[in-house]
PDB file of N, CA and C in Angstrom:
ATOM      1  N   LEU A   1      -4.746  43.968  60.746  1.00  0.00           N
ATOM      2  CA  LEU A   1      -5.608  43.129  61.569  1.00  0.00           C
ATOM      3  C   LEU A   1      -7.005  43.014  60.959  1.00  0.00           C
ATOM      4  N   VAL A   2      -7.524  44.126  60.444  1.00  0.00           N
ATOM      5  CA  VAL A   2      -8.873  44.111  59.868  1.00  0.00           C
ATOM      6  C   VAL A   2      -8.956  43.199  58.643  1.00  0.00           C
ATOM      7  N   PRO A   3      -7.989  43.227  57.708  1.00  0.00           N
ATOM      8  CA  PRO A   3      -8.080  42.286  56.582  1.00  0.00           C
ATOM      9  C   PRO A   3      -8.042  40.827  57.018  1.00  0.00           C
ATOM     10  N   ASN A   4      -7.244  40.532  58.052  1.00  0.00           N
ATOM     11  CA  ASN A   4      -7.181  39.150  58.545  1.00  0.00           C
ATOM     12  C   ASN A   4      -8.516  38.714  59.133  1.00  0.00           C
ATOM     13  N   VAL A   5      -9.142  39.600  59.893  1.00  0.00           N
ATOM     14  CA  VAL A   5     -10.444  39.280  60.497  1.00  0.00           C
ATOM     15  C   VAL A   5     -11.494  39.112  59.405  1.00  0.00           C
ATOM     16  N   LEU A   6     -11.478  39.990  58.401  1.00  0.00           N
ATOM     17  CA  LEU A   6     -12.446  39.878  57.307  1.00  0.00           C
ATOM     18  C   LEU A   6     -12.211  38.648  56.447  1.00  0.00           C
ATOM     19  N   THR A   7     -10.993  38.152  56.439  1.00  0.00           N
ATOM     20  CA  THR A   7     -10.688  36.940  55.672  1.00  0.00           C
ATOM     21  C   THR A   7     -11.087  35.680  56.423  1.00  0.00           C
ATOM     22  N   VAL A   8     -10.873  35.673  57.718  1.00  0.00           N
ATOM     23  CA  VAL A   8     -11.079  34.456  58.507  1.00  0.00           C
ATOM     24  C   VAL A   8     -12.506  34.315  59.034  1.00  0.00           C
ATOM     25  N   MET A   9     -13.126  35.408  59.394  1.00  0.00           N
ATOM     26  CA  MET A   9     -14.420  35.329  60.083  1.00  0.00           C
ATOM     27  C   MET A   9     -15.577  34.775  59.237  1.00  0.00           C
ATOM     28  N   PRO A  10     -15.770  35.180  57.987  1.00  0.00           N
ATOM     29  CA  PRO A  10     -16.897  34.607  57.238  1.00  0.00           C
ATOM     30  C   PRO A  10     -16.819  33.080  57.066  1.00  0.00           C
ATOM     31  N   PRO A  11     -15.664  32.511  56.674  1.00  0.00           N
ATOM     32  CA  PRO A  11     -15.630  31.047  56.597  1.00  0.00           C
ATOM     33  C   PRO A  11     -15.783  30.365  57.954  1.00  0.00           C
ATOM     34  N   LEU A  12     -15.239  30.979  58.993  1.00  0.00           N
ATOM     35  CA  LEU A  12     -15.372  30.411  60.325  1.00  0.00           C
ATOM     36  C   LEU A  12     -16.826  30.418  60.779  1.00  0.00           C
ATOM     37  N   ALA A  13     -17.516  31.533  60.571  1.00  0.00           N
ATOM     38  CA  ALA A  13     -18.931  31.616  60.946  1.00  0.00           C
ATOM     39  C   ALA A  13     -19.767  30.628  60.133  1.00  0.00           C
ATOM     40  N   CYS A  14     -19.461  30.521  58.848  1.00  0.00           N
ATOM     41  CA  CYS A  14     -20.198  29.590  57.989  1.00  0.00           C
ATOM     42  C   CYS A  14     -19.975  28.149  58.432  1.00  0.00           C
ATOM     43  N   SER A  15     -18.729  27.814  58.784  1.00  0.00           N
ATOM     44  CA  SER A  15     -18.453  26.433  59.202  1.00  0.00           C
ATOM     45  C   SER A  15     -19.057  26.119  60.566  1.00  0.00           C
ATOM     46  N   LEU A  16     -19.175  27.127  61.424  1.00  0.00           N
ATOM     47  CA  LEU A  16     -19.798  26.886  62.725  1.00  0.00           C
ATOM     48  C   LEU A  16     -21.320  26.771  62.609  1.00  0.00           C
ATOM     49  N   LEU A  17     -21.924  27.557  61.715  1.00  0.00           N
ATOM     50  CA  LEU A  17     -23.375  27.510  61.549  1.00  0.00           C
ATOM     51  C   LEU A  17     -23.825  26.303  60.719  1.00  0.00           C
ATOM     52  N   PHE A  18     -23.052  25.957  59.704  1.00  0.00           N
ATOM     53  CA  PHE A  18     -23.390  24.846  58.802  1.00  0.00           C
ATOM     54  C   PHE A  18     -22.180  23.917  58.692  1.00  0.00           C
ATOM     55  N   PRO A  19     -22.006  22.987  59.640  1.00  0.00           N
ATOM     56  CA  PRO A  19     -20.779  22.178  59.668  1.00  0.00           C
ATOM     57  C   PRO A  19     -20.586  21.278  58.447  1.00  0.00           C
ATOM     58  N   GLY A  20     -21.637  20.857  57.792  1.00  0.00           N
ATOM     59  CA  GLY A  20     -21.486  19.939  56.676  1.00  0.00           C
ATOM     60  C   GLY A  20     -21.222  20.602  55.341  1.00  0.00           C
ATOM     61  N   ILE A  21     -21.251  21.930  55.298  1.00  0.00           N
ATOM     62  CA  ILE A  21     -21.150  22.609  54.014  1.00  0.00           C
ATOM     63  C   ILE A  21     -19.750  22.478  53.407  1.00  0.00           C
ATOM     64  N   PHE A  22     -18.723  22.457  54.224  1.00  0.00           N
ATOM     65  CA  PHE A  22     -17.374  22.333  53.686  1.00  0.00           C
ATOM     66  C   PHE A  22     -17.099  20.934  53.175  1.00  0.00           C
ATOM     67  N   PHE A  23     -17.679  19.922  53.791  1.00  0.00           N
ATOM     68  CA  PHE A  23     -17.519  18.565  53.265  1.00  0.00           C
ATOM     69  C   PHE A  23     -18.194  18.430  51.910  1.00  0.00           C
ATOM     70  N   GLY A  24     -19.340  19.070  51.754  1.00  0.00           N
ATOM     71  CA  GLY A  24     -20.002  19.076  50.456  1.00  0.00           C
ATOM     72  C   GLY A  24     -19.177  19.803  49.400  1.00  0.00           C
ATOM     73  N   ALA A  25     -18.568  20.927  49.782  1.00  0.00           N
ATOM     74  CA  ALA A  25     -17.730  21.675  48.847  1.00  0.00           C
ATOM     75  C   ALA A  25     -16.487  20.881  48.467  1.00  0.00           C
ATOM     76  N   LEU A  26     -15.886  20.194  49.426  1.00  0.00           N
ATOM     77  CA  LEU A  26     -14.728  19.345  49.114  1.00  0.00           C
ATOM     78  C   LEU A  26     -15.122  18.186  48.215  1.00  0.00           C
ATOM     79  N   ASN A  27     -16.301  17.641  48.411  1.00  0.00           N
ATOM     80  CA  ASN A  27     -16.787  16.549  47.572  1.00  0.00           C
ATOM     81  C   ASN A  27     -16.964  17.018  46.134  1.00  0.00           C
ATOM     82  N   VAL A  28     -17.570  18.178  45.964  1.00  0.00           N
ATOM     83  CA  VAL A  28     -17.774  18.719  44.617  1.00  0.00           C
ATOM     84  C   VAL A  28     -16.439  19.057  43.960  1.00  0.00           C
ATOM     85  N   ALA A  29     -15.555  19.713  44.700  1.00  0.00           N
ATOM     86  CA  ALA A  29     -14.252  20.087  44.136  1.00  0.00           C
ATOM     87  C   ALA A  29     -13.432  18.849  43.801  1.00  0.00           C
ATOM     88  N   GLY A  30     -13.478  17.856  44.667  1.00  0.00           N
ATOM     89  CA  GLY A  30     -12.709  16.643  44.417  1.00  0.00           C
ATOM     90  C   GLY A  30     -13.233  15.835  43.257  1.00  0.00           C
ATOM     91  N   THR A  31     -14.536  15.838  43.068  1.00  0.00           N
ATOM     92  CA  THR A  31     -15.109  15.040  41.991  1.00  0.00           C
ATOM     93  C   THR A  31     -14.998  15.736  40.651  1.00  0.00           C
ATOM     94  N   TYR A  32     -15.532  16.914  40.550  1.00  0.00           N
ATOM     95  CA  TYR A  32     -15.659  17.554  39.239  1.00  0.00           C
ATOM     96  C   TYR A  32     -14.406  18.318  38.833  1.00  0.00           C
ATOM     97  N   CYS A  33     -13.880  19.116  39.722  1.00  0.00           N
ATOM     98  CA  CYS A  33     -12.734  19.952  39.349  1.00  0.00           C
ATOM     99  C   CYS A  33     -11.470  19.128  39.139  1.00  0.00           C
ATOM    100  N   VAL A  34     -11.166  18.249  40.056  1.00  0.00           N
ATOM    101  CA  VAL A  34      -9.935  17.472  39.947  1.00  0.00           C
ATOM    102  C   VAL A  34      -9.994  16.505  38.774  1.00  0.00           C
ATOM    103  N   LEU A  35     -11.107  15.802  38.613  1.00  0.00           N
ATOM    104  CA  LEU A  35     -11.207  14.882  37.482  1.00  0.00           C
ATOM    105  C   LEU A  35     -11.231  15.618  36.152  1.00  0.00           C
ATOM    106  N   GLY A  36     -11.853  16.781  36.130  1.00  0.00           N
ATOM    107  CA  GLY A  36     -11.830  17.555  34.895  1.00  0.00           C
ATOM    108  C   GLY A  36     -10.444  18.082  34.580  1.00  0.00           C
ATOM    109  N   LEU A  37      -9.772  18.586  35.603  1.00  0.00           N
ATOM    110  CA  LEU A  37      -8.460  19.193  35.407  1.00  0.00           C
ATOM    111  C   LEU A  37      -7.372  18.158  35.129  1.00  0.00           C
ATOM    112  N   PHE A  38      -7.418  17.024  35.802  1.00  0.00           N
ATOM    113  CA  PHE A  38      -6.351  16.041  35.652  1.00  0.00           C
ATOM    114  C   PHE A  38      -6.752  14.798  34.875  1.00  0.00           C
ATOM    115  N   GLY A  39      -7.997  14.715  34.429  1.00  0.00           N
ATOM    116  CA  GLY A  39      -8.437  13.559  33.654  1.00  0.00           C
ATOM    117  C   GLY A  39      -8.869  13.901  32.250  1.00  0.00           C
ATOM    118  N   VAL A  40      -9.781  14.845  32.130  1.00  0.00           N
ATOM    119  CA  VAL A  40     -10.349  15.175  30.814  1.00  0.00           C
ATOM    120  C   VAL A  40      -9.445  16.130  30.041  1.00  0.00           C
ATOM    121  N   VAL A  41      -8.987  17.190  30.686  1.00  0.00           N
ATOM    122  CA  VAL A  41      -8.187  18.206  29.990  1.00  0.00           C
ATOM    123  C   VAL A  41      -6.879  17.638  29.443  1.00  0.00           C
ATOM    124  N   PRO A  42      -6.100  16.844  30.199  1.00  0.00           N
ATOM    125  CA  PRO A  42      -4.881  16.283  29.606  1.00  0.00           C
ATOM    126  C   PRO A  42      -5.162  15.357  28.417  1.00  0.00           C
ATOM    127  N   ALA A  43      -6.233  14.588  28.479  1.00  0.00           N
ATOM    128  CA  ALA A  43      -6.565  13.715  27.344  1.00  0.00           C
ATOM    129  C   ALA A  43      -6.896  14.550  26.110  1.00  0.00           C
ATOM    130  N   LEU A  44      -7.623  15.643  26.295  1.00  0.00           N
ATOM    131  CA  LEU A  44      -7.924  16.527  25.170  1.00  0.00           C
ATOM    132  C   LEU A  44      -6.666  17.210  24.642  1.00  0.00           C
ATOM    133  N   MET A  45      -5.754  17.569  25.528  1.00  0.00           N
ATOM    134  CA  MET A  45      -4.510  18.201  25.097  1.00  0.00           C
ATOM    135  C   MET A  45      -3.654  17.245  24.284  1.00  0.00           C
ATOM    136  N   VAL A  46      -3.553  15.999  24.725  1.00  0.00           N
ATOM    137  CA  VAL A  46      -2.764  15.006  23.996  1.00  0.00           C
ATOM    138  C   VAL A  46      -3.401  14.727  22.641  1.00  0.00           C
ATOM    139  N   ALA A  47      -4.718  14.582  22.609  1.00  0.00           N
ATOM    140  CA  ALA A  47      -5.400  14.330  21.339  1.00  0.00           C
ATOM    141  C   ALA A  47      -5.230  15.511  20.388  1.00  0.00           C
ATOM    142  N   SER A  48      -5.309  16.717  20.916  1.00  0.00           N
ATOM    143  CA  SER A  48      -5.134  17.897  20.078  1.00  0.00           C
ATOM    144  C   SER A  48      -3.710  17.992  19.545  1.00  0.00           C
ATOM    145  N   ASP A  49      -2.741  17.676  20.377  1.00  0.00           N
ATOM    146  CA  ASP A  49      -1.343  17.762  19.945  1.00  0.00           C
ATOM    147  C   ASP A  49      -0.997  16.677  18.932  1.00  0.00           C
ATOM    148  N   ARG A  50      -1.479  15.463  19.169  1.00  0.00           N
ATOM    149  CA  ARG A  50      -1.131  14.351  18.279  1.00  0.00           C
ATOM    150  C   ARG A  50      -1.891  14.376  16.970  1.00  0.00           C
ATOM    151  N   TYR A  51      -3.178  14.641  17.043  1.00  0.00           N
ATOM    152  CA  TYR A  51      -4.034  14.447  15.873  1.00  0.00           C
ATOM    153  C   TYR A  51      -4.538  15.741  15.277  1.00  0.00           C
ATOM    154  N   GLY A  52      -4.230  16.885  15.889  1.00  0.00           N
ATOM    155  CA  GLY A  52      -4.530  18.176  15.311  1.00  0.00           C
ATOM    156  C   GLY A  52      -5.966  18.624  15.410  1.00  0.00           C
ATOM    157  N   LEU A  53      -6.919  17.723  15.470  1.00  0.00           N
ATOM    158  CA  LEU A  53      -8.339  18.040  15.573  1.00  0.00           C
ATOM    159  C   LEU A  53      -8.789  19.050  14.518  1.00  0.00           C
ATOM    160  N   GLY A  54      -8.382  18.825  13.257  1.00  0.00           N
ATOM    161  CA  GLY A  54      -8.878  19.618  12.151  1.00  0.00           C
ATOM    162  C   GLY A  54      -8.123  20.892  11.858  1.00  0.00           C
ATOM    163  N   ARG A  55      -7.017  21.142  12.514  1.00  0.00           N
ATOM    164  CA  ARG A  55      -6.241  22.342  12.219  1.00  0.00           C
ATOM    165  C   ARG A  55      -4.784  21.941  12.006  1.00  0.00           C
ATOM    166  N   PRO A  56      -4.045  22.731  11.259  1.00  0.00           N
ATOM    167  CA  PRO A  56      -2.642  22.375  11.029  1.00  0.00           C
ATOM    168  C   PRO A  56      -1.830  22.465  12.309  1.00  0.00           C
ATOM    169  N   ARG A  57      -0.837  21.618  12.410  1.00  0.00           N
ATOM    170  CA  ARG A  57       0.009  21.610  13.595  1.00  0.00           C
ATOM    171  C   ARG A  57       0.924  22.816  13.594  1.00  0.00           C
ATOM    172  N   ARG A  58       1.288  23.244  14.776  1.00  0.00           N
ATOM    173  CA  ARG A  58       2.193  24.392  14.900  1.00  0.00           C
ATOM    174  C   ARG A  58       3.590  23.996  14.448  1.00  0.00           C
ATOM    175  N   SER A  59       4.276  24.921  13.835  1.00  0.00           N
ATOM    176  CA  SER A  59       5.626  24.636  13.370  1.00  0.00           C
ATOM    177  C   SER A  59       6.654  24.762  14.488  1.00  0.00           C
ATOM    178  N   SER A  60       6.291  25.348  15.641  1.00  0.00           N
ATOM    179  CA  SER A  60       7.255  25.531  16.723  1.00  0.00           C
ATOM    180  C   SER A  60       7.668  24.207  17.336  1.00  0.00           C
ATOM    181  N   ARG A  61       6.870  23.193  17.165  1.00  0.00           N
ATOM    182  CA  ARG A  61       7.195  21.915  17.760  1.00  0.00           C
ATOM    183  C   ARG A  61       8.022  21.038  16.809  1.00  0.00           C
ATOM    184  N   ARG A  62       8.144  21.441  15.593  1.00  0.00           N
ATOM    185  CA  ARG A  62       8.913  20.682  14.607  1.00  0.00           C
ATOM    186  C   ARG A  62      10.396  20.698  14.980  1.00  0.00           C
ATOM    187  N   VAL A  63      11.068  19.622  14.688  1.00  0.00           N
ATOM    188  CA  VAL A  63      12.491  19.502  14.968  1.00  0.00           C
ATOM    189  C   VAL A  63      13.216  19.338  13.649  1.00  0.00           C
ATOM    190  N   ASP A  64      14.317  20.059  13.496  1.00  0.00           N
ATOM    191  CA  ASP A  64      15.104  19.925  12.277  1.00  0.00           C
ATOM    192  C   ASP A  64      15.929  18.652  12.375  1.00  0.00           C
ATOM    193  N   VAL A  65      15.486  17.636  11.691  1.00  0.00           N
ATOM    194  CA  VAL A  65      16.157  16.341  11.754  1.00  0.00           C
ATOM    195  C   VAL A  65      16.657  15.913  10.389  1.00  0.00           C
ATOM    196  N   GLU A  66      16.813  16.876   9.498  1.00  0.00           N
ATOM    197  CA  GLU A  66      17.267  16.553   8.144  1.00  0.00           C
ATOM    198  C   GLU A  66      18.619  15.847   8.179  1.00  0.00           C
ATOM    199  N   SER A  67      19.534  16.367   8.978  1.00  0.00           N
ATOM    200  CA  SER A  67      20.886  15.817   8.977  1.00  0.00           C
ATOM    201  C   SER A  67      21.012  14.553   9.820  1.00  0.00           C
ATOM    202  N   SER A  68      20.108  14.334  10.766  1.00  0.00           N
ATOM    203  CA  SER A  68      20.254  13.187  11.666  1.00  0.00           C
ATOM    204  C   SER A  68      19.703  11.898  11.082  1.00  0.00           C
ATOM    205  N   GLY A  69      18.792  11.976  10.117  1.00  0.00           N
ATOM    206  CA  GLY A  69      18.232  10.777   9.524  1.00  0.00           C
ATOM    207  C   GLY A  69      17.024  10.237  10.262  1.00  0.00           C
ATOM    208  N   TYR A  70      16.628  10.856  11.384  1.00  0.00           N
ATOM    209  CA  TYR A  70      15.456  10.432  12.128  1.00  0.00           C
ATOM    210  C   TYR A  70      14.252  11.228  11.670  1.00  0.00           C
ATOM    211  N   SER A  71      13.074  10.631  11.835  1.00  0.00           N
ATOM    212  CA  SER A  71      11.866  11.400  11.573  1.00  0.00           C
ATOM    213  C   SER A  71      11.571  12.278  12.777  1.00  0.00           C
ATOM    214  N   ALA A  72      10.718  13.273  12.585  1.00  0.00           N
ATOM    215  CA  ALA A  72      10.386  14.184  13.681  1.00  0.00           C
ATOM    216  C   ALA A  72       9.719  13.437  14.823  1.00  0.00           C
ATOM    217  N   LYS A  73       8.878  12.450  14.518  1.00  0.00           N
ATOM    218  CA  LYS A  73       8.191  11.691  15.565  1.00  0.00           C
ATOM    219  C   LYS A  73       9.202  10.887  16.384  1.00  0.00           C
ATOM    220  N   GLU A  74      10.205  10.334  15.726  1.00  0.00           N
ATOM    221  CA  GLU A  74      11.230   9.587  16.456  1.00  0.00           C
ATOM    222  C   GLU A  74      12.077  10.521  17.311  1.00  0.00           C
ATOM    223  N   ALA A  75      12.320  11.730  16.827  1.00  0.00           N
ATOM    224  CA  ALA A  75      13.151  12.675  17.569  1.00  0.00           C
ATOM    225  C   ALA A  75      12.429  13.202  18.796  1.00  0.00           C
ATOM    226  N   ILE A  76      11.136  13.474  18.662  1.00  0.00           N
ATOM    227  CA  ILE A  76      10.375  14.030  19.784  1.00  0.00           C
ATOM    228  C   ILE A  76       9.900  12.926  20.709  1.00  0.00           C
ATOM    229  N   GLY A  77       9.364  11.854  20.164  1.00  0.00           N
ATOM    230  CA  GLY A  77       8.816  10.777  20.973  1.00  0.00           C
ATOM    231  C   GLY A  77       7.432  11.115  21.475  1.00  0.00           C
ATOM    232  N   GLU A  78       6.811  10.173  22.147  1.00  0.00           N
ATOM    233  CA  GLU A  78       5.487  10.374  22.725  1.00  0.00           C
ATOM    234  C   GLU A  78       5.579  10.249  24.234  1.00  0.00           C
ATOM    235  N   LEU A  79       4.985  11.199  24.926  1.00  0.00           N
ATOM    236  CA  LEU A  79       5.002  11.162  26.380  1.00  0.00           C
ATOM    237  C   LEU A  79       3.971  10.195  26.934  1.00  0.00           C
ATOM    238  N   VAL A  80       2.853  10.021  26.226  1.00  0.00           N
ATOM    239  CA  VAL A  80       1.815   9.090  26.646  1.00  0.00           C
ATOM    240  C   VAL A  80       1.784   7.959  25.628  1.00  0.00           C
ATOM    241  N   PRO A  81       2.277   6.774  25.983  1.00  0.00           N
ATOM    242  CA  PRO A  81       2.291   5.684  25.012  1.00  0.00           C
ATOM    243  C   PRO A  81       0.900   5.096  24.810  1.00  0.00           C
ATOM    244  N   GLY A  82       0.731   4.393  23.704  1.00  0.00           N
ATOM    245  CA  GLY A  82      -0.497   3.658  23.480  1.00  0.00           C
ATOM    246  C   GLY A  82      -1.392   4.193  22.403  1.00  0.00           C
ATOM    247  N   GLY A  83      -1.088   5.318  21.843  1.00  0.00           N
ATOM    248  CA  GLY A  83      -1.893   5.847  20.758  1.00  0.00           C
ATOM    249  C   GLY A  83      -3.236   6.378  21.226  1.00  0.00           C
ATOM    250  N   MET A  84      -4.167   6.429  20.280  1.00  0.00           N
ATOM    251  CA  MET A  84      -5.482   7.005  20.549  1.00  0.00           C
ATOM    252  C   MET A  84      -6.265   6.182  21.573  1.00  0.00           C
ATOM    253  N   GLY A  85      -6.014   4.890  21.644  1.00  0.00           N
ATOM    254  CA  GLY A  85      -6.730   4.036  22.594  1.00  0.00           C
ATOM    255  C   GLY A  85      -6.504   4.445  24.038  1.00  0.00           C
ATOM    256  N   SER A  86      -5.260   4.726  24.398  1.00  0.00           N
ATOM    257  CA  SER A  86      -4.979   5.117  25.787  1.00  0.00           C
ATOM    258  C   SER A  86      -5.541   6.502  26.094  1.00  0.00           C
ATOM    259  N   VAL A  87      -5.507   7.393  25.099  1.00  0.00           N
ATOM    260  CA  VAL A  87      -6.056   8.741  25.308  1.00  0.00           C
ATOM    261  C   VAL A  87      -7.560   8.660  25.529  1.00  0.00           C
ATOM    262  N   VAL A  88      -8.251   7.868  24.717  1.00  0.00           N
ATOM    263  CA  VAL A  88      -9.701   7.703  24.865  1.00  0.00           C
ATOM    264  C   VAL A  88     -10.031   7.025  26.188  1.00  0.00           C
ATOM    265  N   MET A  89      -9.213   6.052  26.591  1.00  0.00           N
ATOM    266  CA  MET A  89      -9.465   5.339  27.838  1.00  0.00           C
ATOM    267  C   MET A  89      -9.319   6.280  29.046  1.00  0.00           C
ATOM    268  N   ILE A  90      -8.282   7.100  29.060  1.00  0.00           N
ATOM    269  CA  ILE A  90      -8.069   8.020  30.186  1.00  0.00           C
ATOM    270  C   ILE A  90      -9.186   9.065  30.242  1.00  0.00           C
ATOM    271  N   GLY A  91      -9.450   9.718  29.122  1.00  0.00           N
ATOM    272  CA  GLY A  91     -10.515  10.718  29.093  1.00  0.00           C
ATOM    273  C   GLY A  91     -11.887  10.118  29.315  1.00  0.00           C
ATOM    274  N   GLY A  92     -12.114   8.921  28.787  1.00  0.00           N
ATOM    275  CA  GLY A  92     -13.407   8.259  28.958  1.00  0.00           C
ATOM    276  C   GLY A  92     -13.666   7.843  30.389  1.00  0.00           C
ATOM    277  N   PHE A  93     -12.628   7.358  31.059  1.00  0.00           N
ATOM    278  CA  PHE A  93     -12.785   6.967  32.462  1.00  0.00           C
ATOM    279  C   PHE A  93     -13.155   8.183  33.310  1.00  0.00           C
ATOM    280  N   ALA A  94     -12.433   9.277  33.120  1.00  0.00           N
ATOM    281  CA  ALA A  94     -12.718  10.487  33.901  1.00  0.00           C
ATOM    282  C   ALA A  94     -14.113  11.022  33.599  1.00  0.00           C
ATOM    283  N   THR A  95     -14.472  11.041  32.331  1.00  0.00           N
ATOM    284  CA  THR A  95     -15.794  11.540  31.943  1.00  0.00           C
ATOM    285  C   THR A  95     -16.900  10.650  32.494  1.00  0.00           C
ATOM    286  N   THR A  96     -16.723   9.343  32.413  1.00  0.00           N
ATOM    287  CA  THR A  96     -17.715   8.404  32.942  1.00  0.00           C
ATOM    288  C   THR A  96     -17.896   8.592  34.445  1.00  0.00           C
ATOM    289  N   PHE A  97     -16.792   8.760  35.164  1.00  0.00           N
ATOM    290  CA  PHE A  97     -16.879   8.952  36.605  1.00  0.00           C
ATOM    291  C   PHE A  97     -17.595  10.263  36.937  1.00  0.00           C
ATOM    292  N   ILE A  98     -17.316  11.317  36.174  1.00  0.00           N
ATOM    293  CA  ILE A  98     -17.982  12.600  36.398  1.00  0.00           C
ATOM    294  C   ILE A  98     -19.481  12.471  36.149  1.00  0.00           C
ATOM    295  N   VAL A  99     -19.863  11.794  35.070  1.00  0.00           N
ATOM    296  CA  VAL A  99     -21.282  11.638  34.746  1.00  0.00           C
ATOM    297  C   VAL A  99     -21.995  10.806  35.820  1.00  0.00           C
ATOM    298  N   CYS A 100     -21.355   9.744  36.285  1.00  0.00           N
ATOM    299  CA  CYS A 100     -21.963   8.915  37.340  1.00  0.00           C
ATOM    300  C   CYS A 100     -22.150   9.707  38.637  1.00  0.00           C
ATOM    301  N   GLU A 101     -21.155  10.473  39.012  1.00  0.00           N
ATOM    302  CA  GLU A 101     -21.272  11.279  40.230  1.00  0.00           C
ATOM    303  C   GLU A 101     -22.311  12.388  40.071  1.00  0.00           C
ATOM    304  N   LEU A 102     -22.376  12.972  38.883  1.00  0.00           N
ATOM    305  CA  LEU A 102     -23.395  13.995  38.632  1.00  0.00           C
ATOM    306  C   LEU A 102     -24.792  13.400  38.736  1.00  0.00           C
ATOM    307  N   TYR A 103     -24.977  12.204  38.188  1.00  0.00           N
ATOM    308  CA  TYR A 103     -26.271  11.523  38.292  1.00  0.00           C
ATOM    309  C   TYR A 103     -26.615  11.245  39.760  1.00  0.00           C
ATOM    310  N   THR A 104     -25.626  10.786  40.531  1.00  0.00           N
ATOM    311  CA  THR A 104     -25.867  10.488  41.942  1.00  0.00           C
ATOM    312  C   THR A 104     -26.227  11.756  42.713  1.00  0.00           C
ATOM    313  N   HIS A 105     -25.511  12.837  42.470  1.00  0.00           N
ATOM    314  CA  HIS A 105     -25.808  14.077  43.181  1.00  0.00           C
ATOM    315  C   HIS A 105     -27.171  14.640  42.794  1.00  0.00           C
ATOM    316  N   LEU A 106     -27.493  14.612  41.520  1.00  0.00           N
ATOM    317  CA  LEU A 106     -28.803  15.108  41.087  1.00  0.00           C
ATOM    318  C   LEU A 106     -29.935  14.236  41.615  1.00  0.00           C
ATOM    319  N   ARG A 107     -29.743  12.928  41.667  1.00  0.00           N
ATOM    320  CA  ARG A 107     -30.764  12.028  42.219  1.00  0.00           C
ATOM    321  C   ARG A 107     -30.995  12.319  43.698  1.00  0.00           C
ATOM    322  N   ASP A 108     -29.916  12.576  44.426  1.00  0.00           N
ATOM    323  CA  ASP A 108     -30.045  12.891  45.857  1.00  0.00           C
ATOM    324  C   ASP A 108     -30.741  14.235  46.075  1.00  0.00           C
ATOM    325  N   VAL A 109     -30.464  15.202  45.230  1.00  0.00           N
ATOM    326  CA  VAL A 109     -31.065  16.528  45.382  1.00  0.00           C
ATOM    327  C   VAL A 109     -32.544  16.494  45.029  1.00  0.00           C
ATOM    328  N   LEU A 110     -32.890  15.771  43.958  1.00  0.00           N
ATOM    329  CA  LEU A 110     -34.267  15.769  43.484  1.00  0.00           C
ATOM    330  C   LEU A 110     -35.178  14.828  44.262  1.00  0.00           C
ATOM    331  N   SER A 111     -34.624  13.944  45.052  1.00  0.00           N
ATOM    332  CA  SER A 111     -35.487  13.010  45.808  1.00  0.00           C
ATOM    333  C   SER A 111     -35.763  13.489  47.211  1.00  0.00           C
TER     334      SER A 111
END
């Protein structure tokens, strides 16, 4: 019972004393964390996997296609079509939105 009370009471007291604080926390989490996690990080992962970013590619992803006549790229395929343009567009959109929201939040705080 004591762990449950210690878990529930501080957030409950905080939400009763400062009702708008959780909406602000959801706004921050929804803007920065979600866009970073599902917008910027996947674009960086795809770019790193496809283009190596200055380091040799791992051999674990290579497919033995000597006997099949296909190249490794044809055997594996691409999960995100469109090449570097689509990767830049996805990551750029998320980054632009994060920067715009950061500017808006900082302008509101400083004014």
